Amino acid sequence: MAALALMATACDYQKNNTIKQKDLNEGQAHVYGVHPDSAAAQLKNTYTAKPELEVKANAIREKLFAGKSINQGN
């Protein structure tokens, strides 16, 4: 019976686990775009690829996750 009560209250846990905060970036087109359905201006930034950073990142992954399965997002 206690488990049933615990499961019933767990459904609403995240509803009460929020805090209202002022959005400091509200109205900034750079962050949110000029319209709610448009892309943010900062998404237009492009960067040149640096293959040496990919090698370094893979070395770090190998050191941290040696012998473990890494989810690649497939």
PDB file of N, CA and C in Angstrom:
ATOM      1  N   MET A   1       0.823  -1.186   0.000  1.00  0.00           N
ATOM      2  CA  MET A   1       0.000   0.000   0.000  1.00  0.00           C
ATOM      3  C   MET A   1       0.871   1.255   0.000  1.00  0.00           C
ATOM      4  N   ALA A   2       1.958   1.216   0.760  1.00  0.00           N
ATOM      5  CA  ALA A   2       2.852   2.375   0.822  1.00  0.00           C
ATOM      6  C   ALA A   2       3.535   2.602  -0.525  1.00  0.00           C
ATOM      7  N   ALA A   3       3.841   1.515  -1.214  1.00  0.00           N
ATOM      8  CA  ALA A   3       4.477   1.648  -2.528  1.00  0.00           C
ATOM      9  C   ALA A   3       3.533   2.306  -3.519  1.00  0.00           C
ATOM     10  N   LEU A   4       2.258   1.992  -3.441  1.00  0.00           N
ATOM     11  CA  LEU A   4       1.270   2.597  -4.324  1.00  0.00           C
ATOM     12  C   LEU A   4       1.155   4.097  -4.060  1.00  0.00           C
ATOM     13  N   ALA A   5       1.167   4.481  -2.804  1.00  0.00           N
ATOM     14  CA  ALA A   5       1.111   5.906  -2.452  1.00  0.00           C
ATOM     15  C   ALA A   5       2.370   6.629  -2.922  1.00  0.00           C
ATOM     16  N   LEU A   6       3.503   5.987  -2.794  1.00  0.00           N
ATOM     17  CA  LEU A   6       4.763   6.583  -3.248  1.00  0.00           C
ATOM     18  C   LEU A   6       4.765   6.766  -4.753  1.00  0.00           C
ATOM     19  N   MET A   7       4.274   5.788  -5.497  1.00  0.00           N
ATOM     20  CA  MET A   7       4.231   5.893  -6.951  1.00  0.00           C
ATOM     21  C   MET A   7       3.260   6.981  -7.398  1.00  0.00           C
ATOM     22  N   ALA A   8       2.162   7.148  -6.689  1.00  0.00           N
ATOM     23  CA  ALA A   8       1.175   8.159  -7.052  1.00  0.00           C
ATOM     24  C   ALA A   8       1.724   9.568  -6.846  1.00  0.00           C
ATOM     25  N   THR A   9       2.519   9.766  -5.800  1.00  0.00           N
ATOM     26  CA  THR A   9       3.077  11.099  -5.550  1.00  0.00           C
ATOM     27  C   THR A   9       4.279  11.370  -6.443  1.00  0.00           C
ATOM     28  N   ALA A  10       4.948  10.350  -6.924  1.00  0.00           N
ATOM     29  CA  ALA A  10       6.128  10.543  -7.766  1.00  0.00           C
ATOM     30  C   ALA A  10       5.770  11.151  -9.115  1.00  0.00           C
ATOM     31  N   CYS A  11       4.551  10.970  -9.573  1.00  0.00           N
ATOM     32  CA  CYS A  11       4.134  11.501 -10.866  1.00  0.00           C
ATOM     33  C   CYS A  11       4.134  13.026 -10.889  1.00  0.00           C
ATOM     34  N   ASP A  12       3.857  13.648  -9.759  1.00  0.00           N
ATOM     35  CA  ASP A  12       3.778  15.102  -9.685  1.00  0.00           C
ATOM     36  C   ASP A  12       5.037  15.738  -9.111  1.00  0.00           C
ATOM     37  N   TYR A  13       6.093  14.974  -8.935  1.00  0.00           N
ATOM     38  CA  TYR A  13       7.298  15.498  -8.284  1.00  0.00           C
ATOM     39  C   TYR A  13       7.883  16.695  -9.028  1.00  0.00           C
ATOM     40  N   GLN A  14       8.106  16.580 -10.332  1.00  0.00           N
ATOM     41  CA  GLN A  14       8.754  17.650 -11.082  1.00  0.00           C
ATOM     42  C   GLN A  14       7.867  18.872 -11.246  1.00  0.00           C
ATOM     43  N   LYS A  15       6.568  18.717 -11.085  1.00  0.00           N
ATOM     44  CA  LYS A  15       5.664  19.859 -11.190  1.00  0.00           C
ATOM     45  C   LYS A  15       5.972  20.878 -10.090  1.00  0.00           C
ATOM     46  N   ASN A  16       6.338  20.411  -8.921  1.00  0.00           N
ATOM     47  CA  ASN A  16       6.615  21.289  -7.789  1.00  0.00           C
ATOM     48  C   ASN A  16       8.099  21.611  -7.654  1.00  0.00           C
ATOM     49  N   ASN A  17       8.924  21.004  -8.460  1.00  0.00           N
ATOM     50  CA  ASN A  17      10.368  21.184  -8.358  1.00  0.00           C
ATOM     51  C   ASN A  17      10.841  22.236  -9.367  1.00  0.00           C
ATOM     52  N   THR A  18      10.233  23.405  -9.349  1.00  0.00           N
ATOM     53  CA  THR A  18      10.589  24.470 -10.275  1.00  0.00           C
ATOM     54  C   THR A  18      10.792  25.764  -9.509  1.00  0.00           C
ATOM     55  N   ILE A  19      11.433  26.706 -10.146  1.00  0.00           N
ATOM     56  CA  ILE A  19      11.628  28.027  -9.561  1.00  0.00           C
ATOM     57  C   ILE A  19      11.398  29.050 -10.662  1.00  0.00           C
ATOM     58  N   LYS A  20      10.694  30.092 -10.345  1.00  0.00           N
ATOM     59  CA  LYS A  20      10.439  31.156 -11.313  1.00  0.00           C
ATOM     60  C   LYS A  20      11.601  32.139 -11.258  1.00  0.00           C
ATOM     61  N   GLN A  21      12.226  32.369 -12.403  1.00  0.00           N
ATOM     62  CA  GLN A  21      13.345  33.293 -12.479  1.00  0.00           C
ATOM     63  C   GLN A  21      13.137  34.245 -13.636  1.00  0.00           C
ATOM     64  N   LYS A  22      13.663  35.450 -13.497  1.00  0.00           N
ATOM     65  CA  LYS A  22      13.599  36.433 -14.573  1.00  0.00           C
ATOM     66  C   LYS A  22      14.588  36.024 -15.665  1.00  0.00           C
ATOM     67  N   ASP A  23      14.140  36.079 -16.915  1.00  0.00           N
ATOM     68  CA  ASP A  23      15.001  35.741 -18.041  1.00  0.00           C
ATOM     69  C   ASP A  23      15.802  36.980 -18.415  1.00  0.00           C
ATOM     70  N   LEU A  24      17.100  36.952 -18.164  1.00  0.00           N
ATOM     71  CA  LEU A  24      17.954  38.101 -18.441  1.00  0.00           C
ATOM     72  C   LEU A  24      18.133  38.354 -19.930  1.00  0.00           C
ATOM     73  N   ASN A  25      17.882  37.345 -20.768  1.00  0.00           N
ATOM     74  CA  ASN A  25      18.051  37.481 -22.212  1.00  0.00           C
ATOM     75  C   ASN A  25      16.732  37.712 -22.933  1.00  0.00           C
ATOM     76  N   GLU A  26      15.667  37.955 -22.197  1.00  0.00           N
ATOM     77  CA  GLU A  26      14.351  38.126 -22.809  1.00  0.00           C
ATOM     78  C   GLU A  26      14.362  39.296 -23.790  1.00  0.00           C
ATOM     79  N   GLY A  27      13.859  39.051 -24.992  1.00  0.00           N
ATOM     80  CA  GLY A  27      13.769  40.093 -25.997  1.00  0.00           C
ATOM     81  C   GLY A  27      15.038  40.305 -26.805  1.00  0.00           C
ATOM     82  N   GLN A  28      16.089  39.568 -26.556  1.00  0.00           N
ATOM     83  CA  GLN A  28      17.325  39.728 -27.311  1.00  0.00           C
ATOM     84  C   GLN A  28      17.283  38.847 -28.566  1.00  0.00           C
ATOM     85  N   ALA A  29      17.338  39.492 -29.712  1.00  0.00           N
ATOM     86  CA  ALA A  29      17.280  38.763 -30.977  1.00  0.00           C
ATOM     87  C   ALA A  29      18.498  37.868 -31.167  1.00  0.00           C
ATOM     88  N   HIS A  30      19.626  38.254 -30.577  1.00  0.00           N
ATOM     89  CA  HIS A  30      20.845  37.454 -30.708  1.00  0.00           C
ATOM     90  C   HIS A  30      20.661  36.079 -30.064  1.00  0.00           C
ATOM     91  N   VAL A  31      19.887  36.019 -28.989  1.00  0.00           N
ATOM     92  CA  VAL A  31      19.684  34.772 -28.269  1.00  0.00           C
ATOM     93  C   VAL A  31      18.452  34.026 -28.767  1.00  0.00           C
ATOM     94  N   TYR A  32      17.335  34.733 -28.934  1.00  0.00           N
ATOM     95  CA  TYR A  32      16.074  34.077 -29.265  1.00  0.00           C
ATOM     96  C   TYR A  32      15.611  34.291 -30.698  1.00  0.00           C
ATOM     97  N   GLY A  33      16.250  35.141 -31.461  1.00  0.00           N
ATOM     98  CA  GLY A  33      15.808  35.436 -32.820  1.00  0.00           C
ATOM     99  C   GLY A  33      14.824  36.586 -32.824  1.00  0.00           C
ATOM    100  N   VAL A  34      14.465  37.038 -34.012  1.00  0.00           N
ATOM    101  CA  VAL A  34      13.582  38.194 -34.125  1.00  0.00           C
ATOM    102  C   VAL A  34      12.117  37.818 -33.932  1.00  0.00           C
ATOM    103  N   HIS A  35      11.798  36.543 -34.037  1.00  0.00           N
ATOM    104  CA  HIS A  35      10.429  36.055 -33.909  1.00  0.00           C
ATOM    105  C   HIS A  35      10.494  34.708 -33.188  1.00  0.00           C
ATOM    106  N   PRO A  36       9.476  34.337 -32.432  1.00  0.00           N
ATOM    107  CA  PRO A  36       9.529  33.058 -31.718  1.00  0.00           C
ATOM    108  C   PRO A  36       9.774  31.836 -32.618  1.00  0.00           C
ATOM    109  N   ASP A  37       9.396  31.925 -33.890  1.00  0.00           N
ATOM    110  CA  ASP A  37       9.606  30.796 -34.797  1.00  0.00           C
ATOM    111  C   ASP A  37      10.904  30.889 -35.594  1.00  0.00           C
ATOM    112  N   SER A  38      11.674  31.956 -35.393  1.00  0.00           N
ATOM    113  CA  SER A  38      12.910  32.116 -36.164  1.00  0.00           C
ATOM    114  C   SER A  38      14.104  31.575 -35.386  1.00  0.00           C
ATOM    115  N   ALA A  39      15.190  31.378 -36.098  1.00  0.00           N
ATOM    116  CA  ALA A  39      16.417  30.893 -35.472  1.00  0.00           C
ATOM    117  C   ALA A  39      17.155  32.043 -34.809  1.00  0.00           C
ATOM    118  N   ALA A  40      17.879  31.741 -33.769  1.00  0.00           N
ATOM    119  CA  ALA A  40      18.659  32.761 -33.074  1.00  0.00           C
ATOM    120  C   ALA A  40      19.801  33.239 -33.956  1.00  0.00           C
ATOM    121  N   ALA A  41      20.171  34.500 -33.797  1.00  0.00           N
ATOM    122  CA  ALA A  41      21.247  35.074 -34.602  1.00  0.00           C
ATOM    123  C   ALA A  41      22.572  34.384 -34.319  1.00  0.00           C
ATOM    124  N   GLN A  42      22.764  33.918 -33.093  1.00  0.00           N
ATOM    125  CA  GLN A  42      24.041  33.294 -32.758  1.00  0.00           C
ATOM    126  C   GLN A  42      24.226  31.939 -33.444  1.00  0.00           C
ATOM    127  N   LEU A  43      23.161  31.374 -34.012  1.00  0.00           N
ATOM    128  CA  LEU A  43      23.302  30.122 -34.745  1.00  0.00           C
ATOM    129  C   LEU A  43      24.003  30.316 -36.083  1.00  0.00           C
ATOM    130  N   LYS A  44      24.125  31.555 -36.526  1.00  0.00           N
ATOM    131  CA  LYS A  44      24.786  31.830 -37.797  1.00  0.00           C
ATOM    132  C   LYS A  44      26.304  31.762 -37.676  1.00  0.00           C
ATOM    133  N   ASN A  45      26.820  31.711 -36.457  1.00  0.00           N
ATOM    134  CA  ASN A  45      28.264  31.619 -36.254  1.00  0.00           C
ATOM    135  C   ASN A  45      28.765  30.281 -36.781  1.00  0.00           C
ATOM    136  N   THR A  46      29.827  30.326 -37.548  1.00  0.00           N
ATOM    137  CA  THR A  46      30.461  29.108 -38.034  1.00  0.00           C
ATOM    138  C   THR A  46      31.931  29.151 -37.653  1.00  0.00           C
ATOM    139  N   TYR A  47      32.482  27.997 -37.448  1.00  0.00           N
ATOM    140  CA  TYR A  47      33.866  27.890 -37.029  1.00  0.00           C
ATOM    141  C   TYR A  47      34.598  26.940 -37.962  1.00  0.00           C
ATOM    142  N   THR A  48      35.858  27.228 -38.202  1.00  0.00           N
ATOM    143  CA  THR A  48      36.653  26.338 -39.039  1.00  0.00           C
ATOM    144  C   THR A  48      37.022  25.094 -38.249  1.00  0.00           C
ATOM    145  N   ALA A  49      36.994  23.971 -38.914  1.00  0.00           N
ATOM    146  CA  ALA A  49      37.304  22.705 -38.262  1.00  0.00           C
ATOM    147  C   ALA A  49      38.780  22.623 -37.930  1.00  0.00           C
ATOM    148  N   LYS A  50      39.082  22.090 -36.773  1.00  0.00           N
ATOM    149  CA  LYS A  50      40.465  21.866 -36.354  1.00  0.00           C
ATOM    150  C   LYS A  50      40.624  20.379 -36.056  1.00  0.00           C
ATOM    151  N   PRO A  51      41.139  19.607 -37.026  1.00  0.00           N
ATOM    152  CA  PRO A  51      41.242  18.152 -36.848  1.00  0.00           C
ATOM    153  C   PRO A  51      42.087  17.746 -35.638  1.00  0.00           C
ATOM    154  N   GLU A  52      43.055  18.554 -35.266  1.00  0.00           N
ATOM    155  CA  GLU A  52      43.905  18.197 -34.116  1.00  0.00           C
ATOM    156  C   GLU A  52      43.097  18.167 -32.817  1.00  0.00           C
ATOM    157  N   LEU A  53      42.012  18.960 -32.746  1.00  0.00           N
ATOM    158  CA  LEU A  53      41.171  18.934 -31.551  1.00  0.00           C
ATOM    159  C   LEU A  53      40.344  17.654 -31.487  1.00  0.00           C
ATOM    160  N   GLU A  54      39.975  17.128 -32.630  1.00  0.00           N
ATOM    161  CA  GLU A  54      39.240  15.857 -32.663  1.00  0.00           C
ATOM    162  C   GLU A  54      40.124  14.722 -32.171  1.00  0.00           C
ATOM    163  N   VAL A  55      41.384  14.750 -32.549  1.00  0.00           N
ATOM    164  CA  VAL A  55      42.327  13.725 -32.090  1.00  0.00           C
ATOM    165  C   VAL A  55      42.489  13.815 -30.580  1.00  0.00           C
ATOM    166  N   LYS A  56      42.610  15.041 -30.068  1.00  0.00           N
ATOM    167  CA  LYS A  56      42.776  15.245 -28.629  1.00  0.00           C
ATOM    168  C   LYS A  56      41.516  14.798 -27.874  1.00  0.00           C
ATOM    169  N   ALA A  57      40.332  15.119 -28.413  1.00  0.00           N
ATOM    170  CA  ALA A  57      39.086  14.718 -27.771  1.00  0.00           C
ATOM    171  C   ALA A  57      38.955  13.195 -27.730  1.00  0.00           C
ATOM    172  N   ASN A  58      39.334  12.530 -28.805  1.00  0.00           N
ATOM    173  CA  ASN A  58      39.278  11.072 -28.820  1.00  0.00           C
ATOM    174  C   ASN A  58      40.253  10.462 -27.827  1.00  0.00           C
ATOM    175  N   ALA A  59      41.424  11.073 -27.644  1.00  0.00           N
ATOM    176  CA  ALA A  59      42.386  10.585 -26.661  1.00  0.00           C
ATOM    177  C   ALA A  59      41.826  10.722 -25.244  1.00  0.00           C
ATOM    178  N   ILE A  60      41.138  11.821 -24.984  1.00  0.00           N
ATOM    179  CA  ILE A  60      40.525  12.026 -23.667  1.00  0.00           C
ATOM    180  C   ILE A  60      39.407  11.008 -23.443  1.00  0.00           C
ATOM    181  N   ARG A  61      38.577  10.782 -24.472  1.00  0.00           N
ATOM    182  CA  ARG A  61      37.506   9.796 -24.355  1.00  0.00           C
ATOM    183  C   ARG A  61      38.071   8.412 -24.062  1.00  0.00           C
ATOM    184  N   GLU A  62      39.142   8.056 -24.749  1.00  0.00           N
ATOM    185  CA  GLU A  62      39.757   6.746 -24.549  1.00  0.00           C
ATOM    186  C   GLU A  62      40.291   6.614 -23.129  1.00  0.00           C
ATOM    187  N   LYS A  63      40.860   7.680 -22.612  1.00  0.00           N
ATOM    188  CA  LYS A  63      41.405   7.642 -21.251  1.00  0.00           C
ATOM    189  C   LYS A  63      40.274   7.537 -20.220  1.00  0.00           C
ATOM    190  N   LEU A  64      39.182   8.276 -20.422  1.00  0.00           N
ATOM    191  CA  LEU A  64      38.089   8.274 -19.459  1.00  0.00           C
ATOM    192  C   LEU A  64      37.223   7.026 -19.541  1.00  0.00           C
ATOM    193  N   PHE A  65      37.012   6.525 -20.758  1.00  0.00           N
ATOM    194  CA  PHE A  65      36.067   5.438 -20.953  1.00  0.00           C
ATOM    195  C   PHE A  65      36.728   4.175 -21.484  1.00  0.00           C
ATOM    196  N   ALA A  66      37.951   3.934 -21.135  1.00  0.00           N
ATOM    197  CA  ALA A  66      38.666   2.756 -21.628  1.00  0.00           C
ATOM    198  C   ALA A  66      37.934   1.483 -21.218  1.00  0.00           C
ATOM    199  N   GLY A  67      37.592   0.675 -22.200  1.00  0.00           N
ATOM    200  CA  GLY A  67      36.916  -0.585 -21.948  1.00  0.00           C
ATOM    201  C   GLY A  67      35.428  -0.466 -21.716  1.00  0.00           C
ATOM    202  N   LYS A  68      34.874   0.737 -21.767  1.00  0.00           N
ATOM    203  CA  LYS A  68      33.437   0.933 -21.558  1.00  0.00           C
ATOM    204  C   LYS A  68      32.784   1.300 -22.875  1.00  0.00           C
ATOM    205  N   SER A  69      31.497   1.065 -22.962  1.00  0.00           N
ATOM    206  CA  SER A  69      30.747   1.399 -24.159  1.00  0.00           C
ATOM    207  C   SER A  69      30.344   2.869 -24.117  1.00  0.00           C
ATOM    208  N   ILE A  70      30.578   3.576 -25.205  1.00  0.00           N
ATOM    209  CA  ILE A  70      30.216   4.986 -25.295  1.00  0.00           C
ATOM    210  C   ILE A  70      29.066   5.117 -26.292  1.00  0.00           C
ATOM    211  N   ASN A  71      27.978   5.754 -25.874  1.00  0.00           N
ATOM    212  CA  ASN A  71      26.841   5.953 -26.753  1.00  0.00           C
ATOM    213  C   ASN A  71      27.178   7.069 -27.727  1.00  0.00           C
ATOM    214  N   GLN A  72      27.211   6.770 -29.007  1.00  0.00           N
ATOM    215  CA  GLN A  72      27.569   7.742 -30.027  1.00  0.00           C
ATOM    216  C   GLN A  72      26.339   8.447 -30.604  1.00  0.00           C
ATOM    217  N   GLY A  73      25.157   8.199 -30.068  1.00  0.00           N
ATOM    218  CA  GLY A  73      23.961   8.874 -30.537  1.00  0.00           C
ATOM    219  C   GLY A  73      23.362   8.291 -31.804  1.00  0.00           C
ATOM    220  N   ASN A  74      23.622   7.060 -32.116  1.00  0.00           N
ATOM    221  CA  ASN A  74      23.063   6.455 -33.321  1.00  0.00           C
ATOM    222  C   ASN A  74      21.658   6.025 -33.050  1.00  0.00           C
TER     223      ASN A  74
END
